[in-house]
Amino acid sequence: MSEVNFAHIIAAAERLRGNAHRTPVLTSSLLNERTGAEVFLKCENFQRMGAFKFRGAYNAISQLSDVQKQRGVLAFSSGNHAQ
């Protein structure tokens, strides 16, 4: 796998547009205080299907060729990701 650059991030965002629910970025004064830094929490657990892995999985699957898609995709998870 190649190194991720800004162009890859923009391309992934375009693929996800309209498919991923926008989730909030929250802060916590307690975490900030305990770490001595400003901590941001990207709440992907608020995705509609409840799986925080959705963005990466959707991005990867959307880049498969038709032949690869015909073979299928197998996901292992003890939670919502594999549903």
PDB file of N, CA and C in Angstrom:
ATOM      1  N   MET A   1       0.846  -1.184   0.000  1.00  0.00           N
ATOM      2  CA  MET A   1       0.000   0.000   0.000  1.00  0.00           C
ATOM      3  C   MET A   1       0.887   1.241   0.000  1.00  0.00           C
ATOM      4  N   SER A   2       0.497   2.230  -0.776  1.00  0.00           N
ATOM      5  CA  SER A   2       1.286   3.450  -0.862  1.00  0.00           C
ATOM      6  C   SER A   2       0.994   4.365   0.325  1.00  0.00           C
ATOM      7  N   GLU A   3       1.877   5.308   0.517  1.00  0.00           N
ATOM      8  CA  GLU A   3       1.717   6.278   1.596  1.00  0.00           C
ATOM      9  C   GLU A   3       0.505   7.166   1.310  1.00  0.00           C
ATOM     10  N   VAL A   4      -0.266   7.463   2.339  1.00  0.00           N
ATOM     11  CA  VAL A   4      -1.455   8.298   2.178  1.00  0.00           C
ATOM     12  C   VAL A   4      -1.028   9.758   2.093  1.00  0.00           C
ATOM     13  N   ASN A   5      -1.569  10.466   1.107  1.00  0.00           N
ATOM     14  CA  ASN A   5      -1.298  11.897   0.996  1.00  0.00           C
ATOM     15  C   ASN A   5      -2.629  12.653   0.951  1.00  0.00           C
ATOM     16  N   PHE A   6      -2.548  13.966   0.873  1.00  0.00           N
ATOM     17  CA  PHE A   6      -3.755  14.794   0.927  1.00  0.00           C
ATOM     18  C   PHE A   6      -4.701  14.490  -0.234  1.00  0.00           C
ATOM     19  N   ALA A   7      -4.164  14.213  -1.410  1.00  0.00           N
ATOM     20  CA  ALA A   7      -5.005  13.885  -2.574  1.00  0.00           C
ATOM     21  C   ALA A   7      -5.817  12.617  -2.324  1.00  0.00           C
ATOM     22  N   HIS A   8      -5.220  11.632  -1.633  1.00  0.00           N
ATOM     23  CA  HIS A   8      -5.949  10.406  -1.288  1.00  0.00           C
ATOM     24  C   HIS A   8      -7.127  10.724  -0.358  1.00  0.00           C
ATOM     25  N   ILE A   9      -6.899  11.615   0.582  1.00  0.00           N
ATOM     26  CA  ILE A   9      -7.942  11.984   1.548  1.00  0.00           C
ATOM     27  C   ILE A   9      -9.099  12.686   0.841  1.00  0.00           C
ATOM     28  N   ILE A  10      -8.769  13.597  -0.071  1.00  0.00           N
ATOM     29  CA  ILE A  10      -9.806  14.302  -0.834  1.00  0.00           C
ATOM     30  C   ILE A  10     -10.604  13.313  -1.689  1.00  0.00           C
ATOM     31  N   ALA A  11      -9.915  12.378  -2.342  1.00  0.00           N
ATOM     32  CA  ALA A  11     -10.591  11.374  -3.178  1.00  0.00           C
ATOM     33  C   ALA A  11     -11.512  10.494  -2.333  1.00  0.00           C
ATOM     34  N   ALA A  12     -11.053  10.092  -1.154  1.00  0.00           N
ATOM     35  CA  ALA A  12     -11.886   9.273  -0.263  1.00  0.00           C
ATOM     36  C   ALA A  12     -13.113  10.057   0.190  1.00  0.00           C
ATOM     37  N   ALA A  13     -12.930  11.328   0.502  1.00  0.00           N
ATOM     38  CA  ALA A  13     -14.061  12.167   0.919  1.00  0.00           C
ATOM     39  C   ALA A  13     -15.102  12.256  -0.194  1.00  0.00           C
ATOM     40  N   GLU A  14     -14.650  12.362  -1.431  1.00  0.00           N
ATOM     41  CA  GLU A  14     -15.579  12.405  -2.573  1.00  0.00           C
ATOM     42  C   GLU A  14     -16.349  11.090  -2.706  1.00  0.00           C
ATOM     43  N   ARG A  15     -15.653   9.966  -2.528  1.00  0.00           N
ATOM     44  CA  ARG A  15     -16.331   8.665  -2.621  1.00  0.00           C
ATOM     45  C   ARG A  15     -17.377   8.509  -1.520  1.00  0.00           C
ATOM     46  N   LEU A  16     -17.101   9.074  -0.359  1.00  0.00           N
ATOM     47  CA  LEU A  16     -18.004   8.935   0.786  1.00  0.00           C
ATOM     48  C   LEU A  16     -19.160   9.931   0.769  1.00  0.00           C
ATOM     49  N   ARG A  17     -19.012  10.998  -0.009  1.00  0.00           N
ATOM     50  CA  ARG A  17     -20.037  12.045  -0.029  1.00  0.00           C
ATOM     51  C   ARG A  17     -21.406  11.429  -0.343  1.00  0.00           C
ATOM     52  N   GLY A  18     -22.374  11.710   0.522  1.00  0.00           N
ATOM     53  CA  GLY A  18     -23.720  11.185   0.339  1.00  0.00           C
ATOM     54  C   GLY A  18     -23.925   9.778   0.878  1.00  0.00           C
ATOM     55  N   ASN A  19     -22.853   9.133   1.319  1.00  0.00           N
ATOM     56  CA  ASN A  19     -22.957   7.769   1.842  1.00  0.00           C
ATOM     57  C   ASN A  19     -22.659   7.683   3.331  1.00  0.00           C
ATOM     58  N   ALA A  20     -21.812   8.551   3.813  1.00  0.00           N
ATOM     59  CA  ALA A  20     -21.476   8.563   5.241  1.00  0.00           C
ATOM     60  C   ALA A  20     -22.237   9.697   5.918  1.00  0.00           C
ATOM     61  N   HIS A  21     -22.749   9.415   7.077  1.00  0.00           N
ATOM     62  CA  HIS A  21     -23.441  10.411   7.885  1.00  0.00           C
ATOM     63  C   HIS A  21     -22.391  11.330   8.504  1.00  0.00           C
ATOM     64  N   ARG A  22     -22.636  12.636   8.482  1.00  0.00           N
ATOM     65  CA  ARG A  22     -21.704  13.566   9.138  1.00  0.00           C
ATOM     66  C   ARG A  22     -21.830  13.389  10.647  1.00  0.00           C
ATOM     67  N   THR A  23     -20.722  13.130  11.283  1.00  0.00           N
ATOM     68  CA  THR A  23     -20.727  12.908  12.728  1.00  0.00           C
ATOM     69  C   THR A  23     -20.014  14.065  13.413  1.00  0.00           C
ATOM     70  N   PRO A  24     -20.378  14.348  14.658  1.00  0.00           N
ATOM     71  CA  PRO A  24     -19.796  15.502  15.339  1.00  0.00           C
ATOM     72  C   PRO A  24     -18.365  15.255  15.812  1.00  0.00           C
ATOM     73  N   VAL A  25     -17.673  16.363  16.014  1.00  0.00           N
ATOM     74  CA  VAL A  25     -16.376  16.359  16.683  1.00  0.00           C
ATOM     75  C   VAL A  25     -16.624  17.032  18.028  1.00  0.00           C
ATOM     76  N   LEU A  26     -16.365  16.312  19.093  1.00  0.00           N
ATOM     77  CA  LEU A  26     -16.610  16.829  20.435  1.00  0.00           C
ATOM     78  C   LEU A  26     -15.292  17.026  21.171  1.00  0.00           C
ATOM     79  N   THR A  27     -15.345  17.817  22.219  1.00  0.00           N
ATOM     80  CA  THR A  27     -14.188  17.990  23.095  1.00  0.00           C
ATOM     81  C   THR A  27     -14.605  17.621  24.509  1.00  0.00           C
ATOM     82  N   SER A  28     -13.626  17.418  25.351  1.00  0.00           N
ATOM     83  CA  SER A  28     -13.894  17.071  26.740  1.00  0.00           C
ATOM     84  C   SER A  28     -12.943  17.857  27.627  1.00  0.00           C
ATOM     85  N   SER A  29     -13.491  18.707  28.466  1.00  0.00           N
ATOM     86  CA  SER A  29     -12.635  19.487  29.362  1.00  0.00           C
ATOM     87  C   SER A  29     -11.881  18.566  30.319  1.00  0.00           C
ATOM     88  N   LEU A  30     -12.497  17.451  30.714  1.00  0.00           N
ATOM     89  CA  LEU A  30     -11.825  16.502  31.596  1.00  0.00           C
ATOM     90  C   LEU A  30     -10.616  15.873  30.902  1.00  0.00           C
ATOM     91  N   LEU A  31     -10.797  15.418  29.664  1.00  0.00           N
ATOM     92  CA  LEU A  31      -9.664  14.842  28.924  1.00  0.00           C
ATOM     93  C   LEU A  31      -8.586  15.887  28.667  1.00  0.00           C
ATOM     94  N   ASN A  32      -9.001  17.098  28.325  1.00  0.00           N
ATOM     95  CA  ASN A  32      -8.029  18.170  28.111  1.00  0.00           C
ATOM     96  C   ASN A  32      -7.200  18.403  29.369  1.00  0.00           C
ATOM     97  N   GLU A  33      -7.879  18.452  30.497  1.00  0.00           N
ATOM     98  CA  GLU A  33      -7.211  18.699  31.776  1.00  0.00           C
ATOM     99  C   GLU A  33      -6.250  17.562  32.124  1.00  0.00           C
ATOM    100  N   ARG A  34      -6.704  16.335  31.954  1.00  0.00           N
ATOM    101  CA  ARG A  34      -5.880  15.177  32.333  1.00  0.00           C
ATOM    102  C   ARG A  34      -4.699  14.948  31.404  1.00  0.00           C
ATOM    103  N   THR A  35      -4.832  15.332  30.143  1.00  0.00           N
ATOM    104  CA  THR A  35      -3.740  15.106  29.189  1.00  0.00           C
ATOM    105  C   THR A  35      -2.842  16.320  29.017  1.00  0.00           C
ATOM    106  N   GLY A  36      -3.325  17.480  29.441  1.00  0.00           N
ATOM    107  CA  GLY A  36      -2.557  18.695  29.227  1.00  0.00           C
ATOM    108  C   GLY A  36      -2.544  19.116  27.766  1.00  0.00           C
ATOM    109  N   ALA A  37      -3.517  18.639  27.012  1.00  0.00           N
ATOM    110  CA  ALA A  37      -3.617  18.958  25.583  1.00  0.00           C
ATOM    111  C   ALA A  37      -5.088  19.114  25.229  1.00  0.00           C
ATOM    112  N   GLU A  38      -5.341  19.714  24.074  1.00  0.00           N
ATOM    113  CA  GLU A  38      -6.714  19.816  23.604  1.00  0.00           C
ATOM    114  C   GLU A  38      -7.043  18.538  22.836  1.00  0.00           C
ATOM    115  N   VAL A  39      -8.027  17.782  23.328  1.00  0.00           N
ATOM    116  CA  VAL A  39      -8.390  16.484  22.755  1.00  0.00           C
ATOM    117  C   VAL A  39      -9.702  16.633  21.981  1.00  0.00           C
ATOM    118  N   PHE A  40      -9.708  16.123  20.756  1.00  0.00           N
ATOM    119  CA  PHE A  40     -10.904  16.137  19.923  1.00  0.00           C
ATOM    120  C   PHE A  40     -11.370  14.703  19.713  1.00  0.00           C
ATOM    121  N   LEU A  41     -12.669  14.472  19.844  1.00  0.00           N
ATOM    122  CA  LEU A  41     -13.255  13.144  19.673  1.00  0.00           C
ATOM    123  C   LEU A  41     -14.145  13.153  18.436  1.00  0.00           C
ATOM    124  N   LYS A  42     -13.760  12.413  17.399  1.00  0.00           N
ATOM    125  CA  LYS A  42     -14.575  12.294  16.182  1.00  0.00           C
ATOM    126  C   LYS A  42     -15.523  11.126  16.415  1.00  0.00           C
ATOM    127  N   CYS A  43     -16.792  11.410  16.562  1.00  0.00           N
ATOM    128  CA  CYS A  43     -17.782  10.435  17.035  1.00  0.00           C
ATOM    129  C   CYS A  43     -18.341   9.572  15.910  1.00  0.00           C
ATOM    130  N   GLU A  44     -17.510   8.709  15.358  1.00  0.00           N
ATOM    131  CA  GLU A  44     -17.938   7.808  14.288  1.00  0.00           C
ATOM    132  C   GLU A  44     -18.905   6.748  14.795  1.00  0.00           C
ATOM    133  N   ASN A  45     -18.993   6.575  16.106  1.00  0.00           N
ATOM    134  CA  ASN A  45     -19.982   5.656  16.667  1.00  0.00           C
ATOM    135  C   ASN A  45     -21.405   6.159  16.412  1.00  0.00           C
ATOM    136  N   PHE A  46     -21.545   7.393  15.938  1.00  0.00           N
ATOM    137  CA  PHE A  46     -22.855   7.942  15.592  1.00  0.00           C
ATOM    138  C   PHE A  46     -23.222   7.710  14.126  1.00  0.00           C
ATOM    139  N   GLN A  47     -22.406   6.950  13.386  1.00  0.00           N
ATOM    140  CA  GLN A  47     -22.806   6.580  12.027  1.00  0.00           C
ATOM    141  C   GLN A  47     -24.143   5.848  12.120  1.00  0.00           C
ATOM    142  N   ARG A  48     -24.976   5.969  11.123  1.00  0.00           N
ATOM    143  CA  ARG A  48     -26.337   5.406  11.176  1.00  0.00           C
ATOM    144  C   ARG A  48     -26.355   3.919  11.489  1.00  0.00           C
ATOM    145  N   MET A  49     -25.372   3.176  10.991  1.00  0.00           N
ATOM    146  CA  MET A  49     -25.362   1.732  11.250  1.00  0.00           C
ATOM    147  C   MET A  49     -24.633   1.397  12.551  1.00  0.00           C
ATOM    148  N   GLY A  50     -24.094   2.402  13.215  1.00  0.00           N
ATOM    149  CA  GLY A  50     -23.455   2.196  14.502  1.00  0.00           C
ATOM    150  C   GLY A  50     -22.050   1.635  14.429  1.00  0.00           C
ATOM    151  N   ALA A  51     -21.476   1.546  13.231  1.00  0.00           N
ATOM    152  CA  ALA A  51     -20.132   0.977  13.074  1.00  0.00           C
ATOM    153  C   ALA A  51     -19.137   2.085  12.763  1.00  0.00           C
ATOM    154  N   PHE A  52     -18.116   2.222  13.579  1.00  0.00           N
ATOM    155  CA  PHE A  52     -17.134   3.279  13.349  1.00  0.00           C
ATOM    156  C   PHE A  52     -16.196   2.960  12.194  1.00  0.00           C
ATOM    157  N   LYS A  53     -16.186   1.716  11.710  1.00  0.00           N
ATOM    158  CA  LYS A  53     -15.292   1.320  10.614  1.00  0.00           C
ATOM    159  C   LYS A  53     -15.886   1.606   9.238  1.00  0.00           C
ATOM    160  N   PHE A  54     -17.066   2.171   9.180  1.00  0.00           N
ATOM    161  CA  PHE A  54     -17.774   2.338   7.918  1.00  0.00           C
ATOM    162  C   PHE A  54     -16.976   3.103   6.869  1.00  0.00           C
ATOM    163  N   ARG A  55     -16.376   4.218   7.241  1.00  0.00           N
ATOM    164  CA  ARG A  55     -15.689   5.053   6.249  1.00  0.00           C
ATOM    165  C   ARG A  55     -14.580   4.282   5.538  1.00  0.00           C
ATOM    166  N   GLY A  56     -13.743   3.616   6.287  1.00  0.00           N
ATOM    167  CA  GLY A  56     -12.644   2.863   5.678  1.00  0.00           C
ATOM    168  C   GLY A  56     -13.131   1.701   4.836  1.00  0.00           C
ATOM    169  N   ALA A  57     -14.132   0.989   5.342  1.00  0.00           N
ATOM    170  CA  ALA A  57     -14.664  -0.158   4.600  1.00  0.00           C
ATOM    171  C   ALA A  57     -15.333   0.298   3.308  1.00  0.00           C
ATOM    172  N   TYR A  58     -16.143   1.335   3.378  1.00  0.00           N
ATOM    173  CA  TYR A  58     -16.823   1.825   2.177  1.00  0.00           C
ATOM    174  C   TYR A  58     -15.809   2.329   1.159  1.00  0.00           C
ATOM    175  N   ASN A  59     -14.823   3.066   1.625  1.00  0.00           N
ATOM    176  CA  ASN A  59     -13.796   3.593   0.727  1.00  0.00           C
ATOM    177  C   ASN A  59     -13.062   2.455   0.022  1.00  0.00           C
ATOM    178  N   ALA A  60     -12.698   1.418   0.753  1.00  0.00           N
ATOM    179  CA  ALA A  60     -11.977   0.284   0.161  1.00  0.00           C
ATOM    180  C   ALA A  60     -12.850  -0.465  -0.845  1.00  0.00           C
ATOM    181  N   ILE A  61     -14.086  -0.752  -0.476  1.00  0.00           N
ATOM    182  CA  ILE A  61     -14.979  -1.513  -1.354  1.00  0.00           C
ATOM    183  C   ILE A  61     -15.315  -0.718  -2.613  1.00  0.00           C
ATOM    184  N   SER A  62     -15.469   0.590  -2.471  1.00  0.00           N
ATOM    185  CA  SER A  62     -15.832   1.413  -3.632  1.00  0.00           C
ATOM    186  C   SER A  62     -14.725   1.464  -4.681  1.00  0.00           C
ATOM    187  N   GLN A  63     -13.514   1.076  -4.309  1.00  0.00           N
ATOM    188  CA  GLN A  63     -12.392   1.089  -5.246  1.00  0.00           C
ATOM    189  C   GLN A  63     -12.133  -0.273  -5.897  1.00  0.00           C
ATOM    190  N   LEU A  64     -12.925  -1.283  -5.535  1.00  0.00           N
ATOM    191  CA  LEU A  64     -12.752  -2.605  -6.133  1.00  0.00           C
ATOM    192  C   LEU A  64     -13.231  -2.605  -7.583  1.00  0.00           C
ATOM    193  N   SER A  65     -12.604  -3.420  -8.393  1.00  0.00           N
ATOM    194  CA  SER A  65     -13.060  -3.588  -9.780  1.00  0.00           C
ATOM    195  C   SER A  65     -14.348  -4.410  -9.778  1.00  0.00           C
ATOM    196  N   ASP A  66     -15.042  -4.429 -10.907  1.00  0.00           N
ATOM    197  CA  ASP A  66     -16.268  -5.231 -11.011  1.00  0.00           C
ATOM    198  C   ASP A  66     -15.982  -6.710 -10.766  1.00  0.00           C
ATOM    199  N   VAL A  67     -14.859  -7.196 -11.272  1.00  0.00           N
ATOM    200  CA  VAL A  67     -14.476  -8.602 -11.069  1.00  0.00           C
ATOM    201  C   VAL A  67     -14.264  -8.872  -9.581  1.00  0.00           C
ATOM    202  N   GLN A  68     -13.571  -7.975  -8.899  1.00  0.00           N
ATOM    203  CA  GLN A  68     -13.342  -8.144  -7.464  1.00  0.00           C
ATOM    204  C   GLN A  68     -14.663  -8.104  -6.698  1.00  0.00           C
ATOM    205  N   LYS A  69     -15.554  -7.207  -7.066  1.00  0.00           N
ATOM    206  CA  LYS A  69     -16.857  -7.116  -6.394  1.00  0.00           C
ATOM    207  C   LYS A  69     -17.675  -8.385  -6.601  1.00  0.00           C
ATOM    208  N   GLN A  70     -17.579  -8.987  -7.793  1.00  0.00           N
ATOM    209  CA  GLN A  70     -18.317 -10.225  -8.068  1.00  0.00           C
ATOM    210  C   GLN A  70     -17.845 -11.367  -7.177  1.00  0.00           C
ATOM    211  N   ARG A  71     -16.579 -11.349  -6.790  1.00  0.00           N
ATOM    212  CA  ARG A  71     -16.055 -12.377  -5.883  1.00  0.00           C
ATOM    213  C   ARG A  71     -16.616 -12.213  -4.475  1.00  0.00           C
ATOM    214  N   GLY A  72     -17.065 -11.010  -4.151  1.00  0.00           N
ATOM    215  CA  GLY A  72     -17.640 -10.751  -2.838  1.00  0.00           C
ATOM    216  C   GLY A  72     -16.641 -10.166  -1.865  1.00  0.00           C
ATOM    217  N   VAL A  73     -17.160  -9.780  -0.737  1.00  0.00           N
ATOM    218  CA  VAL A  73     -16.360  -9.185   0.333  1.00  0.00           C
ATOM    219  C   VAL A  73     -16.699  -9.914   1.620  1.00  0.00           C
ATOM    220  N   LEU A  74     -15.692 -10.227   2.386  1.00  0.00           N
ATOM    221  CA  LEU A  74     -15.876 -10.904   3.659  1.00  0.00           C
ATOM    222  C   LEU A  74     -15.357  -9.997   4.763  1.00  0.00           C
ATOM    223  N   ALA A  75     -16.187  -9.721   5.756  1.00  0.00           N
ATOM    224  CA  ALA A  75     -15.793  -8.870   6.877  1.00  0.00           C
ATOM    225  C   ALA A  75     -16.018  -9.630   8.177  1.00  0.00           C
ATOM    226  N   PHE A  76     -15.059  -9.561   9.053  1.00  0.00           N
ATOM    227  CA  PHE A  76     -15.167 -10.191  10.365  1.00  0.00           C
ATOM    228  C   PHE A  76     -15.324  -9.105  11.415  1.00  0.00           C
ATOM    229  N   SER A  77     -16.280  -9.274  12.296  1.00  0.00           N
ATOM    230  CA  SER A  77     -16.504  -8.307  13.358  1.00  0.00           C
ATOM    231  C   SER A  77     -17.414  -8.932  14.404  1.00  0.00           C
ATOM    232  N   SER A  78     -17.217  -8.546  15.632  1.00  0.00           N
ATOM    233  CA  SER A  78     -18.136  -8.993  16.676  1.00  0.00           C
ATOM    234  C   SER A  78     -19.269  -7.984  16.851  1.00  0.00           C
ATOM    235  N   GLY A  79     -19.230  -6.916  16.040  1.00  0.00           N
ATOM    236  CA  GLY A  79     -20.245  -5.871  16.157  1.00  0.00           C
ATOM    237  C   GLY A  79     -20.949  -5.603  14.845  1.00  0.00           C
ATOM    238  N   ASN A  80     -21.319  -4.352  14.635  1.00  0.00           N
ATOM    239  CA  ASN A  80     -22.132  -3.958  13.489  1.00  0.00           C
ATOM    240  C   ASN A  80     -21.383  -3.966  12.165  1.00  0.00           C
ATOM    241  N   HIS A  81     -20.074  -3.916  12.175  1.00  0.00           N
ATOM    242  CA  HIS A  81     -19.278  -3.780  10.945  1.00  0.00           C
ATOM    243  C   HIS A  81     -19.533  -4.897   9.947  1.00  0.00           C
ATOM    244  N   ALA A  82     -19.727  -6.111  10.391  1.00  0.00           N
ATOM    245  CA  ALA A  82     -19.863  -7.258   9.481  1.00  0.00           C
ATOM    246  C   ALA A  82     -21.299  -7.487   9.015  1.00  0.00           C
ATOM    247  N   GLN A  83     -22.222  -6.678   9.448  1.00  0.00           N
ATOM    248  CA  GLN A  83     -23.629  -6.897   9.079  1.00  0.00           C
ATOM    249  C   GLN A  83     -23.926  -6.412   7.681  1.00  0.00           C
TER     250      GLN A  83
END
